[in-house]
Amino acid sequence: MINEEYFLAALRLAAGHDPLPEHVSAAARDAYGLRVPQAVTAVPAECPASREVRSADGCKMVRFVAAGLTFDLEVTVGDGLIDVAGQIVPHPGEGSHVDVRTPHLTLTRRLARTGHFAATGLPPGWLSVVCHRPGHPPVQTRWVRIRP
């Protein structure tokens, strides 16, 4: 486990400037707090869904792949909020769940037997999904910026 104060001190020394402006330290602490320890990061997959296709109704489709799992996400923006409908294939196993995350909010959802899940009413901006599987490290998508 990394001590935040030592980490920030090392950043100050490496930059050759001391002290760092408080807003930089605060941003570093906020970013550090978003990490998922020991998680495997899924990367965008090369398929029609990964080209960030936008349909006429404002849906955005993205696909991520890692650790034998495929995340298909359909993101819809309406009334200034984000709705996410997703599927993880193959089903990651009994007891699995997902966290649909923004920098300020995390919604936990159980997976259906088909691997489907949904989260609604999220604020626009950055979004990531983390799949938690018993006995395996978590798998997280990269952060995606969703704009209205």
C-alpha atoms as a PDB file:
ATOM      1  CA  MET A   1       0.000   0.000   0.000  1.00  0.00           C
ATOM      2  CA  ILE A   2       1.377   3.394  -0.961  1.00  0.00           C
ATOM      3  CA  ASN A   3       1.272   6.159   1.629  1.00  0.00           C
ATOM      4  CA  GLU A   4      -0.337   9.205  -0.012  1.00  0.00           C
ATOM      5  CA  GLU A   5       1.883  11.721   1.775  1.00  0.00           C
ATOM      6  CA  TYR A   6       5.080   9.931   0.687  1.00  0.00           C
ATOM      7  CA  PHE A   7       3.734   9.699  -2.863  1.00  0.00           C
ATOM      8  CA  LEU A   8       2.996  13.444  -2.980  1.00  0.00           C
ATOM      9  CA  ALA A   9       6.397  14.255  -1.464  1.00  0.00           C
ATOM     10  CA  ALA A  10       8.091  12.150  -4.150  1.00  0.00           C
ATOM     11  CA  LEU A  11       6.153  14.030  -6.837  1.00  0.00           C
ATOM     12  CA  ARG A  12       7.302  17.360  -5.352  1.00  0.00           C
ATOM     13  CA  LEU A  13      10.933  16.247  -5.301  1.00  0.00           C
ATOM     14  CA  ALA A  14      10.785  14.892  -8.856  1.00  0.00           C
ATOM     15  CA  ALA A  15       9.278  18.129 -10.137  1.00  0.00           C
ATOM     16  CA  GLY A  16      11.943  20.214  -8.427  1.00  0.00           C
ATOM     17  CA  HIS A  17       9.315  22.486  -6.950  1.00  0.00           C
ATOM     18  CA  ASP A  18       8.265  22.612  -3.365  1.00  0.00           C
ATOM     19  CA  PRO A  19       5.555  23.091  -2.312  1.00  0.00           C
ATOM     20  CA  LEU A  20       3.060  22.055  -4.996  1.00  0.00           C
ATOM     21  CA  PRO A  21       0.019  24.246  -5.371  1.00  0.00           C
ATOM     22  CA  GLU A  22      -2.786  22.858  -3.212  1.00  0.00           C
ATOM     23  CA  HIS A  23      -5.106  22.299  -6.204  1.00  0.00           C
ATOM     24  CA  VAL A  24      -2.490  20.001  -7.780  1.00  0.00           C
ATOM     25  CA  SER A  25      -2.155  17.987  -4.569  1.00  0.00           C
ATOM     26  CA  ALA A  26      -5.940  17.762  -4.278  1.00  0.00           C
ATOM     27  CA  ALA A  27      -6.267  16.587  -7.884  1.00  0.00           C
ATOM     28  CA  ALA A  28      -3.577  13.929  -7.316  1.00  0.00           C
ATOM     29  CA  ARG A  29      -5.362  12.654  -4.190  1.00  0.00           C
ATOM     30  CA  ASP A  30      -8.685  12.547  -6.054  1.00  0.00           C
ATOM     31  CA  ALA A  31      -7.156  10.628  -8.983  1.00  0.00           C
ATOM     32  CA  TYR A  32      -5.379   8.213  -6.635  1.00  0.00           C
ATOM     33  CA  GLY A  33      -8.687   7.558  -4.875  1.00  0.00           C
ATOM     34  CA  LEU A  34     -10.286   6.382  -8.144  1.00  0.00           C
ATOM     35  CA  ARG A  35      -7.912   3.453  -8.595  1.00  0.00           C
ATOM     36  CA  VAL A  36      -9.057  -0.122  -8.042  1.00  0.00           C
ATOM     37  CA  PRO A  37      -6.221  -2.045  -6.353  1.00  0.00           C
ATOM     38  CA  GLN A  38      -4.974  -5.083  -8.327  1.00  0.00           C
ATOM     39  CA  ALA A  39      -7.501  -4.501 -11.129  1.00  0.00           C
ATOM     40  CA  VAL A  40      -6.900  -5.584 -14.702  1.00  0.00           C
ATOM     41  CA  THR A  41      -7.738  -2.771 -17.140  1.00  0.00           C
ATOM     42  CA  ALA A  42      -9.856  -3.656 -20.171  1.00  0.00           C
ATOM     43  CA  VAL A  43      -8.939  -1.825 -23.357  1.00  0.00           C
ATOM     44  CA  PRO A  44     -11.164  -0.737 -26.241  1.00  0.00           C
ATOM     45  CA  ALA A  45     -11.806  -3.624 -28.637  1.00  0.00           C
ATOM     46  CA  GLU A  46     -11.624  -3.401 -32.393  1.00  0.00           C
ATOM     47  CA  CYS A  47     -15.204  -3.909 -33.552  1.00  0.00           C
ATOM     48  CA  PRO A  48     -18.055  -1.698 -34.757  1.00  0.00           C
ATOM     49  CA  ALA A  49     -19.121  -0.990 -31.155  1.00  0.00           C
ATOM     50  CA  SER A  50     -15.646   0.247 -30.162  1.00  0.00           C
ATOM     51  CA  ARG A  51     -15.681   3.005 -32.770  1.00  0.00           C
ATOM     52  CA  GLU A  52     -17.943   4.918 -30.436  1.00  0.00           C
ATOM     53  CA  VAL A  53     -20.934   4.759 -32.761  1.00  0.00           C
ATOM     54  CA  ARG A  54     -23.620   7.322 -32.062  1.00  0.00           C
ATOM     55  CA  SER A  55     -27.128   6.472 -33.216  1.00  0.00           C
ATOM     56  CA  ALA A  56     -29.875   8.945 -34.047  1.00  0.00           C
ATOM     57  CA  ASP A  57     -31.326   8.592 -30.538  1.00  0.00           C
ATOM     58  CA  GLY A  58     -28.029   9.675 -28.926  1.00  0.00           C
ATOM     59  CA  CYS A  59     -26.779   6.207 -27.899  1.00  0.00           C
ATOM     60  CA  LYS A  60     -23.052   5.618 -27.771  1.00  0.00           C
ATOM     61  CA  MET A  61     -21.769   2.036 -28.060  1.00  0.00           C
ATOM     62  CA  VAL A  62     -18.355   1.022 -26.706  1.00  0.00           C
ATOM     63  CA  ARG A  63     -16.638  -2.351 -26.225  1.00  0.00           C
ATOM     64  CA  PHE A  64     -13.747  -3.275 -23.921  1.00  0.00           C
ATOM     65  CA  VAL A  65     -11.866  -6.575 -23.579  1.00  0.00           C
ATOM     66  CA  ALA A  66      -9.540  -8.024 -20.899  1.00  0.00           C
ATOM     67  CA  ALA A  67      -8.980 -11.180 -18.829  1.00  0.00           C
ATOM     68  CA  GLY A  68     -11.299 -13.238 -21.032  1.00  0.00           C
ATOM     69  CA  LEU A  69     -14.226 -10.824 -20.540  1.00  0.00           C
ATOM     70  CA  THR A  70     -15.922  -8.535 -23.056  1.00  0.00           C
ATOM     71  CA  PHE A  71     -17.754  -5.431 -21.834  1.00  0.00           C
ATOM     72  CA  ASP A  72     -20.388  -4.078 -24.238  1.00  0.00           C
ATOM     73  CA  LEU A  73     -21.762  -0.736 -23.064  1.00  0.00           C
ATOM     74  CA  GLU A  74     -24.603   1.284 -24.554  1.00  0.00           C
ATOM     75  CA  VAL A  75     -24.607   4.786 -23.115  1.00  0.00           C
ATOM     76  CA  THR A  76     -27.560   7.118 -23.609  1.00  0.00           C
ATOM     77  CA  VAL A  77     -27.630  10.786 -22.654  1.00  0.00           C
ATOM     78  CA  GLY A  78     -31.001  12.369 -22.000  1.00  0.00           C
ATOM     79  CA  ASP A  79     -32.241  15.229 -19.857  1.00  0.00           C
ATOM     80  CA  GLY A  80     -28.630  15.961 -18.891  1.00  0.00           C
ATOM     81  CA  LEU A  81     -28.079  12.515 -17.306  1.00  0.00           C
ATOM     82  CA  ILE A  82     -26.400   9.291 -18.461  1.00  0.00           C
ATOM     83  CA  ASP A  83     -28.009   5.851 -18.639  1.00  0.00           C
ATOM     84  CA  VAL A  84     -25.811   2.769 -19.127  1.00  0.00           C
ATOM     85  CA  ALA A  85     -27.046  -0.612 -20.361  1.00  0.00           C
ATOM     86  CA  GLY A  86     -24.293  -3.201 -20.465  1.00  0.00           C
ATOM     87  CA  GLN A  87     -23.434  -6.840 -20.884  1.00  0.00           C
ATOM     88  CA  ILE A  88     -20.376  -8.799 -19.787  1.00  0.00           C
ATOM     89  CA  VAL A  89     -19.637 -11.915 -21.834  1.00  0.00           C
ATOM     90  CA  PRO A  90     -19.121 -14.633 -20.840  1.00  0.00           C
ATOM     91  CA  HIS A  91     -20.978 -14.358 -17.552  1.00  0.00           C
ATOM     92  CA  PRO A  92     -18.201 -13.870 -14.940  1.00  0.00           C
ATOM     93  CA  GLY A  93     -19.697 -16.369 -12.496  1.00  0.00           C
ATOM     94  CA  GLU A  94     -22.019 -16.674  -9.544  1.00  0.00           C
ATOM     95  CA  GLY A  95     -21.652 -13.856  -7.014  1.00  0.00           C
ATOM     96  CA  SER A  96     -20.249 -11.378  -9.559  1.00  0.00           C
ATOM     97  CA  HIS A  97     -21.345  -7.750  -9.645  1.00  0.00           C
ATOM     98  CA  VAL A  98     -20.384  -4.517 -11.381  1.00  0.00           C
ATOM     99  CA  ASP A  99     -19.679  -1.010 -10.152  1.00  0.00           C
ATOM    100  CA  VAL A 100     -20.668   1.712 -12.621  1.00  0.00           C
ATOM    101  CA  ARG A 101     -18.449   4.617 -11.559  1.00  0.00           C
ATOM    102  CA  THR A 102     -18.141   8.332 -12.078  1.00  0.00           C
ATOM    103  CA  PRO A 103     -15.575  10.410 -10.181  1.00  0.00           C
ATOM    104  CA  HIS A 104     -18.255  11.289  -7.606  1.00  0.00           C
ATOM    105  CA  LEU A 105     -20.716   8.379  -7.644  1.00  0.00           C
ATOM    106  CA  THR A 106     -20.612   4.570  -7.760  1.00  0.00           C
ATOM    107  CA  LEU A 107     -23.666   2.430  -8.470  1.00  0.00           C
ATOM    108  CA  THR A 108     -23.349  -1.306  -7.731  1.00  0.00           C
ATOM    109  CA  ARG A 109     -25.424  -3.687  -9.848  1.00  0.00           C
ATOM    110  CA  ARG A 110     -25.891  -7.454  -9.791  1.00  0.00           C
ATOM    111  CA  LEU A 111     -25.457  -9.197 -13.118  1.00  0.00           C
ATOM    112  CA  ALA A 112     -28.348 -11.060 -14.704  1.00  0.00           C
ATOM    113  CA  ARG A 113     -27.673 -14.651 -15.811  1.00  0.00           C
ATOM    114  CA  THR A 114     -27.082 -13.242 -19.279  1.00  0.00           C
ATOM    115  CA  GLY A 115     -24.447 -10.820 -17.960  1.00  0.00           C
ATOM    116  CA  HIS A 116     -26.700  -7.782 -18.458  1.00  0.00           C
ATOM    117  CA  PHE A 117     -26.834  -4.805 -16.090  1.00  0.00           C
ATOM    118  CA  ALA A 118     -28.120  -1.226 -16.149  1.00  0.00           C
ATOM    119  CA  ALA A 119     -27.529   2.017 -14.268  1.00  0.00           C
ATOM    120  CA  THR A 120     -29.486   5.218 -14.785  1.00  0.00           C
ATOM    121  CA  GLY A 121     -29.332   8.843 -13.718  1.00  0.00           C
ATOM    122  CA  LEU A 122     -25.547   9.257 -13.765  1.00  0.00           C
ATOM    123  CA  PRO A 123     -24.016  12.719 -14.198  1.00  0.00           C
ATOM    124  CA  PRO A 124     -22.333  13.418 -17.560  1.00  0.00           C
ATOM    125  CA  GLY A 125     -18.567  13.271 -17.676  1.00  0.00           C
ATOM    126  CA  TRP A 126     -16.168  10.427 -16.950  1.00  0.00           C
ATOM    127  CA  LEU A 127     -17.426   6.843 -16.630  1.00  0.00           C
ATOM    128  CA  SER A 128     -15.838   3.447 -15.860  1.00  0.00           C
ATOM    129  CA  VAL A 129     -17.259  -0.017 -15.147  1.00  0.00           C
ATOM    130  CA  VAL A 130     -15.605  -2.511 -12.780  1.00  0.00           C
ATOM    131  CA  CYS A 131     -16.512  -6.213 -12.735  1.00  0.00           C
ATOM    132  CA  HIS A 132     -15.902  -7.976  -9.411  1.00  0.00           C
ATOM    133  CA  ARG A 133     -15.584 -11.788  -9.608  1.00  0.00           C
ATOM    134  CA  PRO A 134     -15.114 -14.020  -6.555  1.00  0.00           C
ATOM    135  CA  GLY A 135     -11.615 -15.496  -6.554  1.00  0.00           C
ATOM    136  CA  HIS A 136     -10.328 -13.268  -9.388  1.00  0.00           C
ATOM    137  CA  PRO A 137      -8.910  -9.749  -9.595  1.00  0.00           C
ATOM    138  CA  PRO A 138     -11.413  -7.066 -10.620  1.00  0.00           C
ATOM    139  CA  VAL A 139     -11.565  -6.064 -14.279  1.00  0.00           C
ATOM    140  CA  GLN A 140     -12.166  -2.382 -15.021  1.00  0.00           C
ATOM    141  CA  THR A 141     -12.777  -0.485 -18.232  1.00  0.00           C
ATOM    142  CA  ARG A 142     -10.736   2.551 -19.082  1.00  0.00           C
ATOM    143  CA  TRP A 143     -12.371   5.836 -18.176  1.00  0.00           C
ATOM    144  CA  VAL A 144     -14.597   7.138 -21.004  1.00  0.00           C
ATOM    145  CA  ARG A 145     -15.791  10.725 -21.223  1.00  0.00           C
ATOM    146  CA  ILE A 146     -19.500  10.971 -21.981  1.00  0.00           C
ATOM    147  CA  ARG A 147     -20.718  14.354 -23.102  1.00  0.00           C
ATOM    148  CA  PRO A 148     -24.339  15.455 -23.477  1.00  0.00           C
END
